[in-house]
Amino acid sequence: MSPNLLSAPNAIPPSEWLRWVWDQKQGAQAPEFASERQAKRILSLLIGHANVLAFTLVHGPQHWEPLFYSHKTGRNSVPIVDEWCCGYLKGIALDAEAWQPLIEAQPDWFEVIQLYGTQSGWERLEDLVEAHPDSAARHQAFVDSIAPAARNIHAYWLARRSLQIN
């Protein structure tokens, strides 16, 4: 689960975001479970994970870090961030109109997520890699900027939601 679902301007019901968990390409294919018990167990784990993530982002955001796959190249491990970024952008797309003012006001918070999460971003990334002599260091700098950006985004929407409640 991506933190943007918990950081969104409006609450997204699980029935809406879960369809993308089941079918990452189109959000349409329903899951097939072996039994009702299995379905309840899996849903319980997913909702439990969402609750832990929500608690961490509210009460200890400095302790939250995105989890990325990595690719081992020799002695180095290279974080693979494109899947995480694509997932984040899919979450934004669930309520794109509400997200637009923040994207326009704070484009730097979304820059790396869009860089790794869109086709146009990958094209720009290729140009940046060619222009930068140390692409590994550049990639790591991009990776290191994702967590602070996601925490900033969450803090922004959390503050707005708090104002609406009061």
C-alpha atoms as a PDB file:
ATOM      1  CA  MET A   1       0.000   0.000   0.000  1.00  0.00           C
ATOM      2  CA  SER A   2       1.255   3.411  -0.933  1.00  0.00           C
ATOM      3  CA  PRO A   3       1.161   6.184   1.675  1.00  0.00           C
ATOM      4  CA  ASN A   4      -0.578   8.503  -0.759  1.00  0.00           C
ATOM      5  CA  LEU A   5      -3.877   6.713  -0.139  1.00  0.00           C
ATOM      6  CA  LEU A   6      -3.541   7.724   3.491  1.00  0.00           C
ATOM      7  CA  SER A   7      -2.133  11.117   2.546  1.00  0.00           C
ATOM      8  CA  ALA A   8      -4.791  12.036   0.037  1.00  0.00           C
ATOM      9  CA  PRO A   9      -6.892  15.197   0.129  1.00  0.00           C
ATOM     10  CA  ASN A  10     -10.020  13.056   0.496  1.00  0.00           C
ATOM     11  CA  ALA A  11     -10.558   9.637   2.024  1.00  0.00           C
ATOM     12  CA  ILE A  12     -10.461   6.844  -0.540  1.00  0.00           C
ATOM     13  CA  PRO A  13     -12.572   3.876   0.557  1.00  0.00           C
ATOM     14  CA  PRO A  14     -10.859   0.468   0.593  1.00  0.00           C
ATOM     15  CA  SER A  15     -13.328  -0.782  -2.014  1.00  0.00           C
ATOM     16  CA  GLU A  16     -11.804   1.745  -4.427  1.00  0.00           C
ATOM     17  CA  TRP A  17      -8.098   1.228  -3.772  1.00  0.00           C
ATOM     18  CA  LEU A  18      -8.214  -2.522  -3.189  1.00  0.00           C
ATOM     19  CA  ARG A  19      -9.209  -3.141  -6.789  1.00  0.00           C
ATOM     20  CA  TRP A  20      -5.758  -1.816  -7.749  1.00  0.00           C
ATOM     21  CA  VAL A  21      -4.108  -4.166  -5.272  1.00  0.00           C
ATOM     22  CA  TRP A  22      -5.846  -7.078  -6.970  1.00  0.00           C
ATOM     23  CA  ASP A  23      -5.269  -5.838 -10.533  1.00  0.00           C
ATOM     24  CA  GLN A  24      -2.318  -3.438 -10.808  1.00  0.00           C
ATOM     25  CA  LYS A  25      -2.743  -2.921 -14.556  1.00  0.00           C
ATOM     26  CA  GLN A  26      -6.421  -1.949 -14.892  1.00  0.00           C
ATOM     27  CA  GLY A  27      -8.002  -2.072 -11.441  1.00  0.00           C
ATOM     28  CA  ALA A  28     -10.782  -4.248 -12.758  1.00  0.00           C
ATOM     29  CA  GLN A  29     -10.016  -7.925 -12.102  1.00  0.00           C
ATOM     30  CA  ALA A  30     -11.479  -9.197  -8.830  1.00  0.00           C
ATOM     31  CA  PRO A  31      -9.346 -11.585  -6.767  1.00  0.00           C
ATOM     32  CA  GLU A  32     -10.048 -15.271  -6.507  1.00  0.00           C
ATOM     33  CA  PHE A  33      -9.782 -16.743  -3.052  1.00  0.00           C
ATOM     34  CA  ALA A  34      -9.754 -20.406  -2.129  1.00  0.00           C
ATOM     35  CA  SER A  35     -12.259 -19.774   0.647  1.00  0.00           C
ATOM     36  CA  GLU A  36     -14.092 -17.085   2.564  1.00  0.00           C
ATOM     37  CA  ARG A  37     -11.668 -17.640   5.414  1.00  0.00           C
ATOM     38  CA  GLN A  38      -8.715 -16.925   3.127  1.00  0.00           C
ATOM     39  CA  ALA A  39     -10.419 -13.791   1.793  1.00  0.00           C
ATOM     40  CA  LYS A  40     -11.057 -12.494   5.314  1.00  0.00           C
ATOM     41  CA  ARG A  41      -7.477 -13.238   6.353  1.00  0.00           C
ATOM     42  CA  ILE A  42      -5.955 -11.434   3.368  1.00  0.00           C
ATOM     43  CA  LEU A  43      -8.280  -8.443   3.735  1.00  0.00           C
ATOM     44  CA  SER A  44      -7.506  -8.318   7.446  1.00  0.00           C
ATOM     45  CA  LEU A  45      -3.765  -8.238   6.712  1.00  0.00           C
ATOM     46  CA  LEU A  46      -4.141  -5.491   4.106  1.00  0.00           C
ATOM     47  CA  ILE A  47      -6.345  -3.297   6.285  1.00  0.00           C
ATOM     48  CA  GLY A  48      -4.086  -3.965   9.266  1.00  0.00           C
ATOM     49  CA  HIS A  49      -1.077  -2.871   7.232  1.00  0.00           C
ATOM     50  CA  ALA A  50      -2.936   0.277   6.178  1.00  0.00           C
ATOM     51  CA  ASN A  51      -3.750   1.031   9.823  1.00  0.00           C
ATOM     52  CA  VAL A  52      -0.129   0.595  10.926  1.00  0.00           C
ATOM     53  CA  LEU A  53       1.027   2.793   8.070  1.00  0.00           C
ATOM     54  CA  ALA A  54      -1.570   5.453   8.940  1.00  0.00           C
ATOM     55  CA  PHE A  55      -0.537   5.388  12.619  1.00  0.00           C
ATOM     56  CA  THR A  56       3.151   5.728  11.705  1.00  0.00           C
ATOM     57  CA  LEU A  57       2.550   8.598   9.290  1.00  0.00           C
ATOM     58  CA  VAL A  58       0.514  10.500  11.879  1.00  0.00           C
ATOM     59  CA  HIS A  59       2.464   9.761  15.081  1.00  0.00           C
ATOM     60  CA  GLY A  60       6.003   9.125  13.881  1.00  0.00           C
ATOM     61  CA  PRO A  61       6.427  10.126  10.238  1.00  0.00           C
ATOM     62  CA  GLN A  62      10.182  10.377  10.682  1.00  0.00           C
ATOM     63  CA  HIS A  63      10.186   6.579  11.176  1.00  0.00           C
ATOM     64  CA  TRP A  64       8.453   5.869   7.869  1.00  0.00           C
ATOM     65  CA  GLU A  65      10.487   4.931   4.813  1.00  0.00           C
ATOM     66  CA  PRO A  66       9.178   3.554   1.526  1.00  0.00           C
ATOM     67  CA  LEU A  67      10.095  -0.037   0.772  1.00  0.00           C
ATOM     68  CA  PHE A  68      11.749  -0.576  -2.585  1.00  0.00           C
ATOM     69  CA  TYR A  69      12.836  -3.700  -4.353  1.00  0.00           C
ATOM     70  CA  SER A  70      16.508  -3.713  -5.193  1.00  0.00           C
ATOM     71  CA  HIS A  71      18.645  -5.155  -7.938  1.00  0.00           C
ATOM     72  CA  LYS A  72      22.033  -6.612  -7.075  1.00  0.00           C
ATOM     73  CA  THR A  73      24.789  -5.545  -9.444  1.00  0.00           C
ATOM     74  CA  GLY A  74      28.103  -6.978  -8.363  1.00  0.00           C
ATOM     75  CA  ARG A  75      28.683  -5.738  -4.827  1.00  0.00           C
ATOM     76  CA  ASN A  76      26.110  -2.974  -5.071  1.00  0.00           C
ATOM     77  CA  SER A  77      22.385  -3.045  -4.565  1.00  0.00           C
ATOM     78  CA  VAL A  78      20.396  -0.589  -6.693  1.00  0.00           C
ATOM     79  CA  PRO A  79      16.954   0.452  -5.410  1.00  0.00           C
ATOM     80  CA  ILE A  80      14.157  -0.091  -7.926  1.00  0.00           C
ATOM     81  CA  VAL A  81      11.748   2.785  -7.339  1.00  0.00           C
ATOM     82  CA  ASP A  82       9.670   2.865 -10.515  1.00  0.00           C
ATOM     83  CA  GLU A  83       7.027   0.405  -9.252  1.00  0.00           C
ATOM     84  CA  TRP A  84       6.567   2.366  -6.024  1.00  0.00           C
ATOM     85  CA  CYS A  85       6.326   5.649  -7.942  1.00  0.00           C
ATOM     86  CA  CYS A  86       3.840   4.176 -10.451  1.00  0.00           C
ATOM     87  CA  GLY A  87       1.714   2.947  -7.538  1.00  0.00           C
ATOM     88  CA  TYR A  88       1.837   6.360  -5.891  1.00  0.00           C
ATOM     89  CA  LEU A  89       0.660   8.011  -9.098  1.00  0.00           C
ATOM     90  CA  LYS A  90      -2.147   5.454  -9.480  1.00  0.00           C
ATOM     91  CA  GLY A  91      -3.323   6.468  -6.007  1.00  0.00           C
ATOM     92  CA  ILE A  92      -3.265  10.134  -7.018  1.00  0.00           C
ATOM     93  CA  ALA A  93      -5.295   9.279 -10.121  1.00  0.00           C
ATOM     94  CA  LEU A  94      -8.137   8.027  -7.891  1.00  0.00           C
ATOM     95  CA  ASP A  95      -8.835  11.679  -6.967  1.00  0.00           C
ATOM     96  CA  ALA A  96      -6.703  13.604  -9.471  1.00  0.00           C
ATOM     97  CA  GLU A  97      -8.710  16.824  -9.381  1.00  0.00           C
ATOM     98  CA  ALA A  98      -8.302  17.192  -5.612  1.00  0.00           C
ATOM     99  CA  TRP A  99      -4.551  16.567  -5.857  1.00  0.00           C
ATOM    100  CA  GLN A 100      -3.932  19.122  -8.622  1.00  0.00           C
ATOM    101  CA  PRO A 101      -3.635  22.268  -6.438  1.00  0.00           C
ATOM    102  CA  LEU A 102      -0.851  20.715  -4.344  1.00  0.00           C
ATOM    103  CA  ILE A 103       0.935  19.327  -7.399  1.00  0.00           C
ATOM    104  CA  GLU A 104       0.917  22.829  -8.892  1.00  0.00           C
ATOM    105  CA  ALA A 105       1.891  24.538  -5.609  1.00  0.00           C
ATOM    106  CA  GLN A 106       4.695  22.110  -4.685  1.00  0.00           C
ATOM    107  CA  PRO A 107       5.931  20.497  -7.916  1.00  0.00           C
ATOM    108  CA  ASP A 108       9.291  19.643  -6.338  1.00  0.00           C
ATOM    109  CA  TRP A 109       7.542  17.220  -3.940  1.00  0.00           C
ATOM    110  CA  PHE A 110       6.265  15.252  -6.944  1.00  0.00           C
ATOM    111  CA  GLU A 111       9.246  15.600  -9.267  1.00  0.00           C
ATOM    112  CA  VAL A 112      11.042  12.323  -8.560  1.00  0.00           C
ATOM    113  CA  ILE A 113       7.785  10.379  -8.222  1.00  0.00           C
ATOM    114  CA  GLN A 114       6.756  11.605 -11.672  1.00  0.00           C
ATOM    115  CA  LEU A 115      10.261  11.078 -13.018  1.00  0.00           C
ATOM    116  CA  TYR A 116      10.238   7.367 -12.156  1.00  0.00           C
ATOM    117  CA  GLY A 117       6.485   6.824 -12.384  1.00  0.00           C
ATOM    118  CA  THR A 118       5.632   8.064 -15.881  1.00  0.00           C
ATOM    119  CA  GLN A 119       6.772   7.386 -19.438  1.00  0.00           C
ATOM    120  CA  SER A 120       7.639  11.046 -19.968  1.00  0.00           C
ATOM    121  CA  GLY A 121       9.604  10.960 -16.718  1.00  0.00           C
ATOM    122  CA  TRP A 122      11.610   7.958 -17.891  1.00  0.00           C
ATOM    123  CA  GLU A 123      12.452   9.821 -21.081  1.00  0.00           C
ATOM    124  CA  ARG A 124      13.669  12.801 -19.037  1.00  0.00           C
ATOM    125  CA  LEU A 125      15.541  10.406 -16.757  1.00  0.00           C
ATOM    126  CA  GLU A 126      17.406   8.920 -19.712  1.00  0.00           C
ATOM    127  CA  ASP A 127      18.535  12.425 -20.706  1.00  0.00           C
ATOM    128  CA  LEU A 128      19.627  13.166 -17.136  1.00  0.00           C
ATOM    129  CA  VAL A 129      21.617   9.919 -16.911  1.00  0.00           C
ATOM    130  CA  GLU A 130      23.404  10.657 -20.184  1.00  0.00           C
ATOM    131  CA  ALA A 131      24.252  14.184 -19.015  1.00  0.00           C
ATOM    132  CA  HIS A 132      25.431  13.136 -15.547  1.00  0.00           C
ATOM    133  CA  PRO A 133      28.778  11.328 -15.299  1.00  0.00           C
ATOM    134  CA  ASP A 134      27.915   9.425 -12.093  1.00  0.00           C
ATOM    135  CA  SER A 135      24.458   8.034 -12.774  1.00  0.00           C
ATOM    136  CA  ALA A 136      24.553   5.734  -9.719  1.00  0.00           C
ATOM    137  CA  ALA A 137      25.060   8.683  -7.372  1.00  0.00           C
ATOM    138  CA  ARG A 138      22.382  10.661  -9.195  1.00  0.00           C
ATOM    139  CA  HIS A 139      19.948   7.743  -8.907  1.00  0.00           C
ATOM    140  CA  GLN A 140      20.663   7.419  -5.183  1.00  0.00           C
ATOM    141  CA  ALA A 141      20.059  11.144  -4.696  1.00  0.00           C
ATOM    142  CA  PHE A 142      16.688  10.757  -6.399  1.00  0.00           C
ATOM    143  CA  VAL A 143      15.871   7.726  -4.256  1.00  0.00           C
ATOM    144  CA  ASP A 144      16.827   9.597  -1.088  1.00  0.00           C
ATOM    145  CA  SER A 145      14.438  12.425  -1.970  1.00  0.00           C
ATOM    146  CA  ILE A 146      11.335  10.214  -2.195  1.00  0.00           C
ATOM    147  CA  ALA A 147      10.705   9.621   1.528  1.00  0.00           C
ATOM    148  CA  PRO A 148      10.952  13.303   2.535  1.00  0.00           C
ATOM    149  CA  ALA A 149       8.677  14.278  -0.355  1.00  0.00           C
ATOM    150  CA  ALA A 150       6.067  11.675   0.615  1.00  0.00           C
ATOM    151  CA  ARG A 151       6.243  12.788   4.269  1.00  0.00           C
ATOM    152  CA  ASN A 152       5.808  16.446   3.214  1.00  0.00           C
ATOM    153  CA  ILE A 153       2.794  15.514   1.106  1.00  0.00           C
ATOM    154  CA  HIS A 154       1.254  13.563   3.978  1.00  0.00           C
ATOM    155  CA  ALA A 155       1.849  16.401   6.454  1.00  0.00           C
ATOM    156  CA  TYR A 156       0.257  18.888   4.072  1.00  0.00           C
ATOM    157  CA  TRP A 157      -2.971  16.901   3.623  1.00  0.00           C
ATOM    158  CA  LEU A 158      -3.085  15.875   7.284  1.00  0.00           C
ATOM    159  CA  ALA A 159      -3.011  19.546   8.299  1.00  0.00           C
ATOM    160  CA  ARG A 160      -5.769  20.388   5.783  1.00  0.00           C
ATOM    161  CA  ARG A 161      -7.975  17.540   7.007  1.00  0.00           C
ATOM    162  CA  SER A 162      -7.441  18.644  10.615  1.00  0.00           C
ATOM    163  CA  LEU A 163      -8.603  22.161   9.722  1.00  0.00           C
ATOM    164  CA  GLN A 164     -11.742  20.753   8.102  1.00  0.00           C
ATOM    165  CA  ILE A 165     -12.619  18.742  11.232  1.00  0.00           C
ATOM    166  CA  ASN A 166     -12.168  21.693  13.614  1.00  0.00           C
END
